[in-house]
C-alpha atoms as a PDB file:
ATOM      1  CA  MET A   1    -125.155 -43.226  43.930  1.00  0.00           C
ATOM      2  CA  LYS A   2    -123.491 -44.914  40.962  1.00  0.00           C
ATOM      3  CA  LEU A   3    -122.141 -48.456  40.942  1.00  0.00           C
ATOM      4  CA  ALA A   4    -118.510 -47.261  40.773  1.00  0.00           C
ATOM      5  CA  GLN A   5    -119.010 -45.308  43.981  1.00  0.00           C
ATOM      6  CA  PHE A   6    -120.277 -48.427  45.765  1.00  0.00           C
ATOM      7  CA  GLU A   7    -117.269 -50.347  44.475  1.00  0.00           C
ATOM      8  CA  ILE A   8    -114.921 -47.752  45.967  1.00  0.00           C
ATOM      9  CA  LEU A   9    -116.747 -47.836  49.295  1.00  0.00           C
ATOM     10  CA  ASP A  10    -116.600 -51.629  49.378  1.00  0.00           C
ATOM     11  CA  ARG A  11    -112.996 -51.884  48.248  1.00  0.00           C
ATOM     12  CA  PHE A  12    -111.715 -49.515  50.930  1.00  0.00           C
ATOM     13  CA  ASN A  13    -114.339 -50.524  53.490  1.00  0.00           C
ATOM     14  CA  VAL A  14    -115.416 -46.950  54.247  1.00  0.00           C
ATOM     15  CA  SER A  15    -118.775 -45.280  54.704  1.00  0.00           C
ATOM     16  CA  ILE A  16    -120.214 -42.657  52.384  1.00  0.00           C
ATOM     17  CA  GLU A  17    -119.491 -40.007  55.009  1.00  0.00           C
ATOM     18  CA  THR A  18    -115.841 -41.047  55.324  1.00  0.00           C
ATOM     19  CA  ALA A  19    -115.360 -41.106  51.550  1.00  0.00           C
ATOM     20  CA  SER A  20    -116.971 -37.677  51.269  1.00  0.00           C
ATOM     21  CA  ARG A  21    -114.714 -36.289  53.986  1.00  0.00           C
ATOM     22  CA  ILE A  22    -111.592 -37.697  52.311  1.00  0.00           C
ATOM     23  CA  ILE A  23    -112.571 -36.338  48.904  1.00  0.00           C
ATOM     24  CA  SER A  24    -113.248 -32.901  50.400  1.00  0.00           C
ATOM     25  CA  LYS A  25    -109.828 -32.867  52.087  1.00  0.00           C
ATOM     26  CA  VAL A  26    -108.062 -33.881  48.874  1.00  0.00           C
ATOM     27  CA  ILE A  27    -109.874 -31.208  46.862  1.00  0.00           C
ATOM     28  CA  TYR A  28    -109.032 -28.603  49.504  1.00  0.00           C
ATOM     29  CA  PHE A  29    -105.360 -29.649  49.503  1.00  0.00           C
ATOM     30  CA  ILE A  30    -105.102 -29.496  45.716  1.00  0.00           C
ATOM     31  CA  SER A  31    -106.841 -26.110  45.581  1.00  0.00           C
ATOM     32  CA  ARG A  32    -104.317 -24.659  48.052  1.00  0.00           C
ATOM     33  CA  MET A  33    -101.399 -25.564  45.749  1.00  0.00           C
ATOM     34  CA  PRO A  34    -102.665 -24.820  42.251  1.00  0.00           C
ATOM     35  CA  ASN A  35     -99.275 -23.988  40.732  1.00  0.00           C
ATOM     36  CA  ILE A  36     -98.016 -27.467  41.546  1.00  0.00           C
ATOM     37  CA  TYR A  37    -101.038 -29.564  40.570  1.00  0.00           C
ATOM     38  CA  ILE A  38    -102.854 -27.383  38.050  1.00  0.00           C
ATOM     39  CA  LYS A  39    -100.845 -25.861  35.240  1.00  0.00           C
ATOM     40  CA  TRP A  40    -102.410 -23.703  32.553  1.00  0.00           C
ATOM     41  CA  HIS A  41    -100.680 -23.234  29.224  1.00  0.00           C
ATOM     42  CA  ASN A  42     -99.099 -19.879  28.547  1.00  0.00           C
ATOM     43  CA  ASP A  43     -99.616 -18.213  25.155  1.00  0.00           C
ATOM     44  CA  GLU A  44     -96.581 -19.882  23.586  1.00  0.00           C
ATOM     45  CA  GLU A  45     -97.632 -23.352  24.765  1.00  0.00           C
ATOM     46  CA  LYS A  46    -101.156 -22.765  23.477  1.00  0.00           C
ATOM     47  CA  ARG A  47     -99.786 -21.790  20.086  1.00  0.00           C
ATOM     48  CA  LEU A  48     -97.506 -24.829  19.916  1.00  0.00           C
ATOM     49  CA  THR A  49    -100.216 -27.323  20.864  1.00  0.00           C
ATOM     50  CA  SER A  50    -102.747 -25.893  18.413  1.00  0.00           C
ATOM     51  CA  GLU A  51    -100.467 -26.393  15.408  1.00  0.00           C
END
């Protein structure tokens, strides 16, 4: 485990298991609503950003 992970656990006073469970729930939630949280460029947007 990296130092930043320990800092998060200490700051929020949670165990590794609790942090893992929370992260899994957040990832699941985001994956169920991809059009709101994840937006891919369409062809026109790709063209405009590459210029």
